[in-house]
Amino acid sequence: MSEQLIAGYTIRSAQTEDVPAACEIAKKAWVRVHDSFREIMGGEMHDVVCANWQENKAGQVSGQFERSSDWFYVVEREDDKCVVGFVTFGIDEGKSLGTISNNAIEPSCQGIGLGAAMYTFVLNLFRTQGLRFASVSTGLDEGHAPARRAYEKAGFDIRQENVTYYQTL
């Protein structure tokens, strides 16, 4: 199944050869998040608590493909077939719940509506599966602000906040 998102872009099922591009997009997209974390936590704590975050994020993304390739889609630019975004998700049929997990748009392609369109695509997949509920989690820091805006644009409107506390000992 594939679908045009916005003129010039298509979403389609991910293939094995798409995973390295998705991992690179994730590492680029999470720089802003880790800049925010560094500001909040301080450099020393961030460097210890979030050590190797780029490799860990890439491992999360590739691991999701290995575990559930059917639940992994990419956004492809039509003119050059370049992968510029990805979205992963899970389905809990017992709870009738679809959950969007790791996802990102190449930073140079952000701000044109691809994220919200990608989430709308996945929400429609959930609906065709007969699911009743959908969820997505994100941070409350400034680095996650673009993601929050895109989720809200896609219709997410019930918010349950969570806070993680740290301290230097």
C-alpha atoms as a PDB file:
ATOM      1  CA  MET A   1       0.000   0.000   0.000  1.00  0.00           C
ATOM      2  CA  SER A   2       1.351   3.439  -0.871  1.00  0.00           C
ATOM      3  CA  GLU A   3      -0.224   6.834  -0.987  1.00  0.00           C
ATOM      4  CA  GLN A   4       0.739  10.308  -2.088  1.00  0.00           C
ATOM      5  CA  LEU A   5       1.093  12.541   0.962  1.00  0.00           C
ATOM      6  CA  ILE A   6       1.855  15.940  -0.460  1.00  0.00           C
ATOM      7  CA  ALA A   7       2.642  16.755  -4.084  1.00  0.00           C
ATOM      8  CA  GLY A   8       6.001  15.185  -4.825  1.00  0.00           C
ATOM      9  CA  TYR A   9       6.078  12.755  -1.860  1.00  0.00           C
ATOM     10  CA  THR A  10       4.767   9.230  -1.336  1.00  0.00           C
ATOM     11  CA  ILE A  11       4.558   6.990   1.700  1.00  0.00           C
ATOM     12  CA  ARG A  12       5.199   3.287   1.215  1.00  0.00           C
ATOM     13  CA  SER A  13       6.147   0.151   3.119  1.00  0.00           C
ATOM     14  CA  ALA A  14       9.795   0.146   4.105  1.00  0.00           C
ATOM     15  CA  GLN A  15      12.210  -2.276   2.499  1.00  0.00           C
ATOM     16  CA  THR A  16      15.469  -3.556   3.994  1.00  0.00           C
ATOM     17  CA  GLU A  17      17.466  -1.112   1.869  1.00  0.00           C
ATOM     18  CA  ASP A  18      15.523   1.831   3.392  1.00  0.00           C
ATOM     19  CA  VAL A  19      16.608   1.148   6.970  1.00  0.00           C
ATOM     20  CA  PRO A  20      20.043   2.851   6.822  1.00  0.00           C
ATOM     21  CA  ALA A  21      18.424   6.047   5.477  1.00  0.00           C
ATOM     22  CA  ALA A  22      15.796   5.940   8.245  1.00  0.00           C
ATOM     23  CA  CYS A  23      18.544   5.509  10.857  1.00  0.00           C
ATOM     24  CA  GLU A  24      20.439   8.517   9.487  1.00  0.00           C
ATOM     25  CA  ILE A  25      17.266  10.626   9.470  1.00  0.00           C
ATOM     26  CA  ALA A  26      16.615   9.629  13.093  1.00  0.00           C
ATOM     27  CA  LYS A  27      20.122  10.625  14.152  1.00  0.00           C
ATOM     28  CA  LYS A  28      19.796  14.023  12.412  1.00  0.00           C
ATOM     29  CA  ALA A  29      16.277  14.686  13.679  1.00  0.00           C
ATOM     30  CA  TRP A  30      17.143  13.889  17.302  1.00  0.00           C
ATOM     31  CA  VAL A  31      20.055  16.369  17.398  1.00  0.00           C
ATOM     32  CA  ARG A  32      17.572  19.122  18.301  1.00  0.00           C
ATOM     33  CA  VAL A  33      16.130  16.905  21.049  1.00  0.00           C
ATOM     34  CA  HIS A  34      19.559  16.186  22.505  1.00  0.00           C
ATOM     35  CA  ASP A  35      20.539  19.843  22.300  1.00  0.00           C
ATOM     36  CA  SER A  36      17.477  20.497  24.446  1.00  0.00           C
ATOM     37  CA  PHE A  37      18.349  17.642  26.815  1.00  0.00           C
ATOM     38  CA  ARG A  38      21.908  19.001  27.127  1.00  0.00           C
ATOM     39  CA  GLU A  39      20.544  22.423  28.052  1.00  0.00           C
ATOM     40  CA  ILE A  40      18.162  20.960  30.632  1.00  0.00           C
ATOM     41  CA  MET A  41      20.542  18.388  32.165  1.00  0.00           C
ATOM     42  CA  GLY A  42      23.863  20.100  31.694  1.00  0.00           C
ATOM     43  CA  GLY A  43      26.625  18.763  29.515  1.00  0.00           C
ATOM     44  CA  GLU A  44      28.232  16.422  32.019  1.00  0.00           C
ATOM     45  CA  MET A  45      25.012  14.600  32.926  1.00  0.00           C
ATOM     46  CA  HIS A  46      23.839  14.459  29.309  1.00  0.00           C
ATOM     47  CA  ASP A  47      27.129  13.005  28.111  1.00  0.00           C
ATOM     48  CA  VAL A  48      26.909  10.219  30.691  1.00  0.00           C
ATOM     49  CA  VAL A  49      23.157   9.500  30.749  1.00  0.00           C
ATOM     50  CA  CYS A  50      22.740   9.838  26.973  1.00  0.00           C
ATOM     51  CA  ALA A  51      26.119   8.445  25.916  1.00  0.00           C
ATOM     52  CA  ASN A  52      26.088   7.010  22.388  1.00  0.00           C
ATOM     53  CA  TRP A  53      22.561   8.304  21.786  1.00  0.00           C
ATOM     54  CA  GLN A  54      23.044   8.346  17.994  1.00  0.00           C
ATOM     55  CA  GLU A  55      23.947   4.657  17.846  1.00  0.00           C
ATOM     56  CA  ASN A  56      21.220   3.795  20.351  1.00  0.00           C
ATOM     57  CA  LYS A  57      18.579   5.654  18.306  1.00  0.00           C
ATOM     58  CA  ALA A  58      19.736   3.957  15.087  1.00  0.00           C
ATOM     59  CA  GLY A  59      19.560   0.618  16.914  1.00  0.00           C
ATOM     60  CA  GLN A  60      15.993   1.324  18.020  1.00  0.00           C
ATOM     61  CA  VAL A  61      14.945   2.158  14.470  1.00  0.00           C
ATOM     62  CA  SER A  62      16.662  -0.817  12.819  1.00  0.00           C
ATOM     63  CA  GLY A  63      15.403  -3.101  15.598  1.00  0.00           C
ATOM     64  CA  GLN A  64      11.842  -2.036  14.930  1.00  0.00           C
ATOM     65  CA  PHE A  65      12.245  -3.024  11.279  1.00  0.00           C
ATOM     66  CA  GLU A  66      13.743  -6.390  12.245  1.00  0.00           C
ATOM     67  CA  ARG A  67      10.898  -7.125  14.687  1.00  0.00           C
ATOM     68  CA  SER A  68       7.964  -5.755  12.683  1.00  0.00           C
ATOM     69  CA  SER A  69       8.768  -4.707   9.126  1.00  0.00           C
ATOM     70  CA  ASP A  70       5.026  -4.590   8.358  1.00  0.00           C
ATOM     71  CA  TRP A  71       4.757  -1.730  10.838  1.00  0.00           C
ATOM     72  CA  PHE A  72       7.456   0.442   9.270  1.00  0.00           C
ATOM     73  CA  TYR A  73       6.783   2.953   6.466  1.00  0.00           C
ATOM     74  CA  VAL A  74       8.959   5.512   4.717  1.00  0.00           C
ATOM     75  CA  VAL A  75       8.271   8.830   3.021  1.00  0.00           C
ATOM     76  CA  GLU A  76       9.893   8.979  -0.402  1.00  0.00           C
ATOM     77  CA  ARG A  77      10.517  12.019  -2.559  1.00  0.00           C
ATOM     78  CA  GLU A  78       9.085  11.094  -5.957  1.00  0.00           C
ATOM     79  CA  ASP A  79      11.598  12.859  -8.196  1.00  0.00           C
ATOM     80  CA  ASP A  80      14.744  11.134  -6.889  1.00  0.00           C
ATOM     81  CA  LYS A  81      13.257   8.242  -4.825  1.00  0.00           C
ATOM     82  CA  CYS A  82      15.142   9.542  -1.767  1.00  0.00           C
ATOM     83  CA  VAL A  83      13.784   8.498   1.643  1.00  0.00           C
ATOM     84  CA  VAL A  84      13.091  11.692   3.607  1.00  0.00           C
ATOM     85  CA  GLY A  85      11.043  10.333   6.507  1.00  0.00           C
ATOM     86  CA  PHE A  86       9.900   7.226   8.319  1.00  0.00           C
ATOM     87  CA  VAL A  87       7.286   6.115  10.807  1.00  0.00           C
ATOM     88  CA  THR A  88       7.071   2.973  12.910  1.00  0.00           C
ATOM     89  CA  PHE A  89       4.125   1.787  14.934  1.00  0.00           C
ATOM     90  CA  GLY A  90       2.611  -1.097  16.831  1.00  0.00           C
ATOM     91  CA  ILE A  91      -0.840  -2.554  17.213  1.00  0.00           C
ATOM     92  CA  ASP A  92      -2.362  -4.036  20.355  1.00  0.00           C
ATOM     93  CA  GLU A  93      -5.527  -5.711  19.099  1.00  0.00           C
ATOM     94  CA  GLY A  94      -6.575  -6.647  22.646  1.00  0.00           C
ATOM     95  CA  LYS A  95      -6.769  -2.975  23.585  1.00  0.00           C
ATOM     96  CA  SER A  96      -7.845  -1.898  20.091  1.00  0.00           C
ATOM     97  CA  LEU A  97      -4.887   0.503  20.254  1.00  0.00           C
ATOM     98  CA  GLY A  98      -2.408   1.587  17.603  1.00  0.00           C
ATOM     99  CA  THR A  99       0.726   3.330  18.842  1.00  0.00           C
ATOM    100  CA  ILE A 100       3.022   5.456  16.707  1.00  0.00           C
ATOM    101  CA  SER A 101       6.598   4.980  17.867  1.00  0.00           C
ATOM    102  CA  ASN A 102       9.909   6.094  16.323  1.00  0.00           C
ATOM    103  CA  ASN A 103       9.376   8.518  13.456  1.00  0.00           C
ATOM    104  CA  ALA A 104      11.066  11.529  11.895  1.00  0.00           C
ATOM    105  CA  ILE A 105      11.277  13.720   8.827  1.00  0.00           C
ATOM    106  CA  GLU A 106      14.653  14.731   7.364  1.00  0.00           C
ATOM    107  CA  PRO A 107      15.329  18.167   8.915  1.00  0.00           C
ATOM    108  CA  SER A 108      15.692  19.804   5.480  1.00  0.00           C
ATOM    109  CA  CYS A 109      12.158  18.604   4.610  1.00  0.00           C
ATOM    110  CA  GLN A 110      10.455  19.623   7.860  1.00  0.00           C
ATOM    111  CA  GLY A 111       7.815  22.304   8.042  1.00  0.00           C
ATOM    112  CA  ILE A 112       5.908  21.451   4.845  1.00  0.00           C
ATOM    113  CA  GLY A 113       3.339  19.123   6.413  1.00  0.00           C
ATOM    114  CA  LEU A 114       4.987  15.750   5.778  1.00  0.00           C
ATOM    115  CA  GLY A 115       4.927  14.750   9.447  1.00  0.00           C
ATOM    116  CA  ALA A 116       1.229  15.444   9.941  1.00  0.00           C
ATOM    117  CA  ALA A 117       0.421  13.740   6.627  1.00  0.00           C
ATOM    118  CA  MET A 118       2.501  10.721   7.635  1.00  0.00           C
ATOM    119  CA  TYR A 119       0.656  10.436  10.960  1.00  0.00           C
ATOM    120  CA  THR A 120      -2.702  10.807   9.232  1.00  0.00           C
ATOM    121  CA  PHE A 121      -1.702   7.949   6.913  1.00  0.00           C
ATOM    122  CA  VAL A 122      -0.905   5.703   9.892  1.00  0.00           C
ATOM    123  CA  LEU A 123      -4.092   6.709  11.695  1.00  0.00           C
ATOM    124  CA  ASN A 124      -6.039   5.679   8.597  1.00  0.00           C
ATOM    125  CA  LEU A 125      -4.226   2.312   8.651  1.00  0.00           C
ATOM    126  CA  PHE A 126      -5.350   1.922  12.257  1.00  0.00           C
ATOM    127  CA  ARG A 127      -8.922   2.706  11.268  1.00  0.00           C
ATOM    128  CA  THR A 128      -8.888   0.141   8.442  1.00  0.00           C
ATOM    129  CA  GLN A 129      -7.687  -2.418  11.019  1.00  0.00           C
ATOM    130  CA  GLY A 130     -10.791  -1.617  13.062  1.00  0.00           C
ATOM    131  CA  LEU A 131      -8.836  -0.074  15.938  1.00  0.00           C
ATOM    132  CA  ARG A 132     -10.672   2.309  18.259  1.00  0.00           C
ATOM    133  CA  PHE A 133      -7.764   4.230  19.810  1.00  0.00           C
ATOM    134  CA  ALA A 134      -4.378   5.675  18.875  1.00  0.00           C
ATOM    135  CA  SER A 135      -1.474   6.998  20.911  1.00  0.00           C
ATOM    136  CA  VAL A 136       1.910   8.612  20.491  1.00  0.00           C
ATOM    137  CA  SER A 137       4.425   9.731  23.109  1.00  0.00           C
ATOM    138  CA  THR A 138       6.801  12.668  22.923  1.00  0.00           C
ATOM    139  CA  GLY A 139       8.840  14.924  25.141  1.00  0.00           C
ATOM    140  CA  LEU A 140       7.751  18.224  26.640  1.00  0.00           C
ATOM    141  CA  ASP A 141      11.111  19.906  26.020  1.00  0.00           C
ATOM    142  CA  GLU A 142      11.710  22.478  23.300  1.00  0.00           C
ATOM    143  CA  GLY A 143      13.455  19.895  21.111  1.00  0.00           C
ATOM    144  CA  HIS A 144      10.196  17.961  20.771  1.00  0.00           C
ATOM    145  CA  ALA A 145       8.043  21.034  19.999  1.00  0.00           C
ATOM    146  CA  PRO A 146       7.861  20.366  16.224  1.00  0.00           C
ATOM    147  CA  ALA A 147       6.720  16.793  16.885  1.00  0.00           C
ATOM    148  CA  ARG A 148       4.019  17.983  19.285  1.00  0.00           C
ATOM    149  CA  ARG A 149       2.727  20.449  16.672  1.00  0.00           C
ATOM    150  CA  ALA A 150       2.610  17.733  13.998  1.00  0.00           C
ATOM    151  CA  TYR A 151       0.793  15.288  16.309  1.00  0.00           C
ATOM    152  CA  GLU A 152      -1.781  17.926  17.177  1.00  0.00           C
ATOM    153  CA  LYS A 153      -2.181  18.815  13.493  1.00  0.00           C
ATOM    154  CA  ALA A 154      -2.908  15.118  12.823  1.00  0.00           C
ATOM    155  CA  GLY A 155      -5.701  15.199  15.410  1.00  0.00           C
ATOM    156  CA  PHE A 156      -4.133  13.989  18.651  1.00  0.00           C
ATOM    157  CA  ASP A 157      -6.017  15.971  21.288  1.00  0.00           C
ATOM    158  CA  ILE A 158      -5.953  14.062  24.592  1.00  0.00           C
ATOM    159  CA  ARG A 159      -2.757  14.715  26.504  1.00  0.00           C
ATOM    160  CA  GLN A 160      -1.373  12.826  29.508  1.00  0.00           C
ATOM    161  CA  GLU A 161       1.848  14.479  30.643  1.00  0.00           C
ATOM    162  CA  ASN A 162       4.833  12.684  32.139  1.00  0.00           C
ATOM    163  CA  VAL A 163       7.943  14.162  33.745  1.00  0.00           C
ATOM    164  CA  THR A 164      11.349  12.572  34.348  1.00  0.00           C
ATOM    165  CA  TYR A 165      13.373  14.060  37.206  1.00  0.00           C
ATOM    166  CA  TYR A 166      17.178  13.931  37.486  1.00  0.00           C
ATOM    167  CA  GLN A 167      19.664  15.098  40.087  1.00  0.00           C
ATOM    168  CA  THR A 168      23.406  15.228  40.369  1.00  0.00           C
ATOM    169  CA  LEU A 169      24.625  13.264  43.377  1.00  0.00           C
END
